[in-house]
C-alpha atoms as a PDB file:
ATOM      1  CA  MET A   1      34.988  19.446 -15.878  1.00  0.00           C
ATOM      2  CA  GLU A   2      36.843  18.458 -12.700  1.00  0.00           C
ATOM      3  CA  ARG A   3      34.163  20.185 -10.586  1.00  0.00           C
ATOM      4  CA  ILE A   4      31.561  17.792 -12.025  1.00  0.00           C
ATOM      5  CA  LYS A   5      31.147  14.684  -9.857  1.00  0.00           C
ATOM      6  CA  VAL A   6      29.831  11.398 -11.242  1.00  0.00           C
ATOM      7  CA  LEU A   7      29.046   8.659  -8.737  1.00  0.00           C
ATOM      8  CA  PRO A   8      28.870   5.189 -10.310  1.00  0.00           C
ATOM      9  CA  ALA A   9      25.843   3.191  -9.173  1.00  0.00           C
ATOM     10  CA  ALA A  10      28.090   0.609  -7.514  1.00  0.00           C
ATOM     11  CA  LYS A  11      29.512   3.294  -5.177  1.00  0.00           C
ATOM     12  CA  ARG A  12      26.204   4.553  -3.769  1.00  0.00           C
ATOM     13  CA  GLY A  13      25.798   4.332  -0.009  1.00  0.00           C
ATOM     14  CA  LYS A  14      23.402   1.606   1.132  1.00  0.00           C
ATOM     15  CA  MET A  15      21.829   0.816   4.469  1.00  0.00           C
ATOM     16  CA  GLU A  16      19.561  -2.226   4.694  1.00  0.00           C
ATOM     17  CA  ALA A  17      17.031  -2.696   7.505  1.00  0.00           C
ATOM     18  CA  GLU A  18      14.157  -5.016   8.406  1.00  0.00           C
ATOM     19  CA  TRP A  19      11.725  -2.340   7.224  1.00  0.00           C
ATOM     20  CA  GLY A  20      13.485  -1.786   3.863  1.00  0.00           C
ATOM     21  CA  GLY A  21      16.468   0.493   3.525  1.00  0.00           C
ATOM     22  CA  LEU A  22      18.138   3.662   2.312  1.00  0.00           C
ATOM     23  CA  THR A  23      20.286   4.270  -0.763  1.00  0.00           C
ATOM     24  CA  TRP A  24      22.377   7.440  -0.902  1.00  0.00           C
ATOM     25  CA  ASN A  25      23.147   9.087  -4.241  1.00  0.00           C
ATOM     26  CA  ALA A  26      24.725  12.387  -3.179  1.00  0.00           C
ATOM     27  CA  SER A  27      26.232  13.778   0.028  1.00  0.00           C
ATOM     28  CA  GLU A  28      29.474  15.204   1.339  1.00  0.00           C
ATOM     29  CA  ALA A  29      30.423  11.758   2.687  1.00  0.00           C
ATOM     30  CA  LEU A  30      30.084  10.319  -0.835  1.00  0.00           C
ATOM     31  CA  GLY A  31      32.213  13.176  -2.120  1.00  0.00           C
ATOM     32  CA  ASN A  32      29.772  14.458  -4.722  1.00  0.00           C
ATOM     33  CA  ALA A  33      27.757  17.210  -2.971  1.00  0.00           C
ATOM     34  CA  LYS A  34      28.489  20.169  -0.729  1.00  0.00           C
ATOM     35  CA  GLY A  35      24.998  21.546  -0.111  1.00  0.00           C
ATOM     36  CA  LEU A  36      22.497  18.679  -0.018  1.00  0.00           C
ATOM     37  CA  THR A  37      21.909  14.962   0.502  1.00  0.00           C
ATOM     38  CA  VAL A  38      19.857  12.962  -2.007  1.00  0.00           C
ATOM     39  CA  GLY A  39      18.694   9.359  -1.880  1.00  0.00           C
ATOM     40  CA  GLN A  40      15.870   6.857  -1.869  1.00  0.00           C
ATOM     41  CA  CYS A  41      13.980   5.119   0.889  1.00  0.00           C
ATOM     42  CA  LEU A  42      12.499   1.669   0.301  1.00  0.00           C
ATOM     43  CA  LEU A  43       9.682   0.612   2.635  1.00  0.00           C
ATOM     44  CA  LEU A  44       8.473  -2.979   2.481  1.00  0.00           C
ATOM     45  CA  PRO A  45       4.714  -3.672   2.699  1.00  0.00           C
ATOM     46  CA  GLY A  46       3.374  -3.104   6.230  1.00  0.00           C
ATOM     47  CA  GLN A  47       6.716  -1.738   7.467  1.00  0.00           C
ATOM     48  CA  GLN A  48       7.756   1.640   8.851  1.00  0.00           C
ATOM     49  CA  ASN A  49      11.021   3.424   9.414  1.00  0.00           C
ATOM     50  CA  PRO A  50      11.861   4.514  12.982  1.00  0.00           C
ATOM     51  CA  ARG A  51      10.372   7.820  14.157  1.00  0.00           C
ATOM     52  CA  HIS A  52      13.125  10.412  13.838  1.00  0.00           C
ATOM     53  CA  SER A  53      13.993  14.038  13.166  1.00  0.00           C
ATOM     54  CA  HIS A  54      16.757  15.985  11.443  1.00  0.00           C
ATOM     55  CA  PRO A  55      18.098  18.781  13.672  1.00  0.00           C
ATOM     56  CA  ASN A  56      20.214  20.427  10.959  1.00  0.00           C
ATOM     57  CA  CYS A  57      18.086  20.303   7.804  1.00  0.00           C
ATOM     58  CA  GLU A  58      14.658  20.075   6.235  1.00  0.00           C
ATOM     59  CA  GLU A  59      13.635  16.975   4.285  1.00  0.00           C
ATOM     60  CA  VAL A  60      11.591  16.666   1.107  1.00  0.00           C
ATOM     61  CA  LEU A  61      10.026  13.284   0.300  1.00  0.00           C
ATOM     62  CA  VAL A  62       8.385  12.389  -3.020  1.00  0.00           C
ATOM     63  CA  VAL A  63       6.417   9.137  -3.259  1.00  0.00           C
ATOM     64  CA  MET A  64       7.658   7.424  -6.417  1.00  0.00           C
ATOM     65  CA  GLU A  65       5.730   4.170  -5.838  1.00  0.00           C
ATOM     66  CA  GLY A  66       3.217   2.983  -3.248  1.00  0.00           C
ATOM     67  CA  THR A  67       1.038   4.517  -0.546  1.00  0.00           C
ATOM     68  CA  ILE A  68       2.472   5.986   2.646  1.00  0.00           C
ATOM     69  CA  SER A  69       0.929   7.028   5.946  1.00  0.00           C
ATOM     70  CA  HIS A  70       3.270   9.713   7.232  1.00  0.00           C
ATOM     71  CA  THR A  71       3.069  10.769  10.866  1.00  0.00           C
ATOM     72  CA  ILE A  72       4.503  14.194  11.467  1.00  0.00           C
ATOM     73  CA  GLU A  73       4.458  15.823  14.899  1.00  0.00           C
ATOM     74  CA  ASP A  74       1.008  14.802  16.240  1.00  0.00           C
ATOM     75  CA  GLY A  75      -0.726  14.471  12.840  1.00  0.00           C
ATOM     76  CA  GLU A  76      -0.923  11.992  10.004  1.00  0.00           C
ATOM     77  CA  VAL A  77      -1.141  12.429   6.222  1.00  0.00           C
ATOM     78  CA  MET A  78      -1.709   9.909   3.442  1.00  0.00           C
ATOM     79  CA  LEU A  79       0.675  10.163   0.513  1.00  0.00           C
ATOM     80  CA  ARG A  80       0.270   8.430  -2.822  1.00  0.00           C
ATOM     81  CA  LYS A  81       2.427   8.157  -5.933  1.00  0.00           C
ATOM     82  CA  GLY A  82       3.495  11.641  -7.008  1.00  0.00           C
ATOM     83  CA  ASP A  83       2.713  13.340  -3.672  1.00  0.00           C
ATOM     84  CA  THR A  84       5.394  15.432  -1.965  1.00  0.00           C
ATOM     85  CA  ILE A  85       5.813  16.348   1.698  1.00  0.00           C
ATOM     86  CA  THR A  86       8.315  18.798   3.181  1.00  0.00           C
ATOM     87  CA  VAL A  87       9.359  18.147   6.775  1.00  0.00           C
ATOM     88  CA  PRO A  88      10.831  21.174   8.590  1.00  0.00           C
ATOM     89  CA  GLU A  89      14.099  20.954  10.491  1.00  0.00           C
ATOM     90  CA  GLY A  90      13.763  19.243  13.898  1.00  0.00           C
ATOM     91  CA  ILE A  91      10.199  17.912  13.408  1.00  0.00           C
ATOM     92  CA  PRO A  92       9.660  14.233  14.381  1.00  0.00           C
ATOM     93  CA  HIS A  93       8.230  12.088  11.584  1.00  0.00           C
ATOM     94  CA  GLN A  94       7.818   8.490  10.417  1.00  0.00           C
ATOM     95  CA  ALA A  95       6.650   6.800   7.219  1.00  0.00           C
ATOM     96  CA  THR A  96       4.589   3.596   7.106  1.00  0.00           C
ATOM     97  CA  ASN A  97       3.940   1.634   3.922  1.00  0.00           C
ATOM     98  CA  VAL A  98       0.183   0.973   3.969  1.00  0.00           C
ATOM     99  CA  GLY A  99       0.068  -0.425   0.425  1.00  0.00           C
ATOM    100  CA  GLU A 100       0.313  -3.996  -0.801  1.00  0.00           C
ATOM    101  CA  GLY A 101       3.612  -3.586  -2.663  1.00  0.00           C
ATOM    102  CA  ASN A 102       6.927  -1.906  -1.960  1.00  0.00           C
ATOM    103  CA  ALA A 103       6.953   1.861  -1.482  1.00  0.00           C
ATOM    104  CA  LEU A 104       9.794   3.927  -2.915  1.00  0.00           C
ATOM    105  CA  LEU A 105      10.454   7.490  -1.775  1.00  0.00           C
ATOM    106  CA  PHE A 106      12.835  10.009  -3.301  1.00  0.00           C
ATOM    107  CA  ILE A 107      14.393  11.946  -0.405  1.00  0.00           C
ATOM    108  CA  ALA A 108      16.383  15.176  -0.353  1.00  0.00           C
ATOM    109  CA  PHE A 109      17.865  17.100   2.558  1.00  0.00           C
ATOM    110  CA  SER A 110      19.028  20.725   2.732  1.00  0.00           C
ATOM    111  CA  SER A 111      22.426  19.681   4.111  1.00  0.00           C
ATOM    112  CA  ALA A 112      25.211  17.562   2.632  1.00  0.00           C
ATOM    113  CA  ASN A 113      25.821  16.309   6.194  1.00  0.00           C
ATOM    114  CA  ARG A 114      22.307  15.457   7.346  1.00  0.00           C
ATOM    115  CA  GLU A 115      21.966  14.546  10.997  1.00  0.00           C
ATOM    116  CA  THR A 116      19.319  12.175  12.340  1.00  0.00           C
ATOM    117  CA  GLN A 117      17.967  11.845  15.868  1.00  0.00           C
ATOM    118  CA  GLY A 118      15.786   8.884  16.847  1.00  0.00           C
ATOM    119  CA  GLU A 119      13.044   8.894  19.450  1.00  0.00           C
END
């Protein structure tokens, strides 16, 4: 049982921003994962996160609520509740909430120590 890690909600990692924020549920830094990072991204209406990439891992995003315009490389895709996008390692991307309410994304990375590079 000692290999099982439970992270109380109060100990999740949080980063607030003008555009919304990130909440981290599992990662090596939180002490409860060795092979992946898991969290949520909140995007406020009309807001977008900074364009960025992850040089050491791929990212999977699932739209839990809202409508997202996701720019990836030189293209753009619309994502609605239930849609999933996989972003390969090192590919620049950015999500914009184009809906009227908050957008909530489930996010997972293939590394417990995800790296982020901004553009």
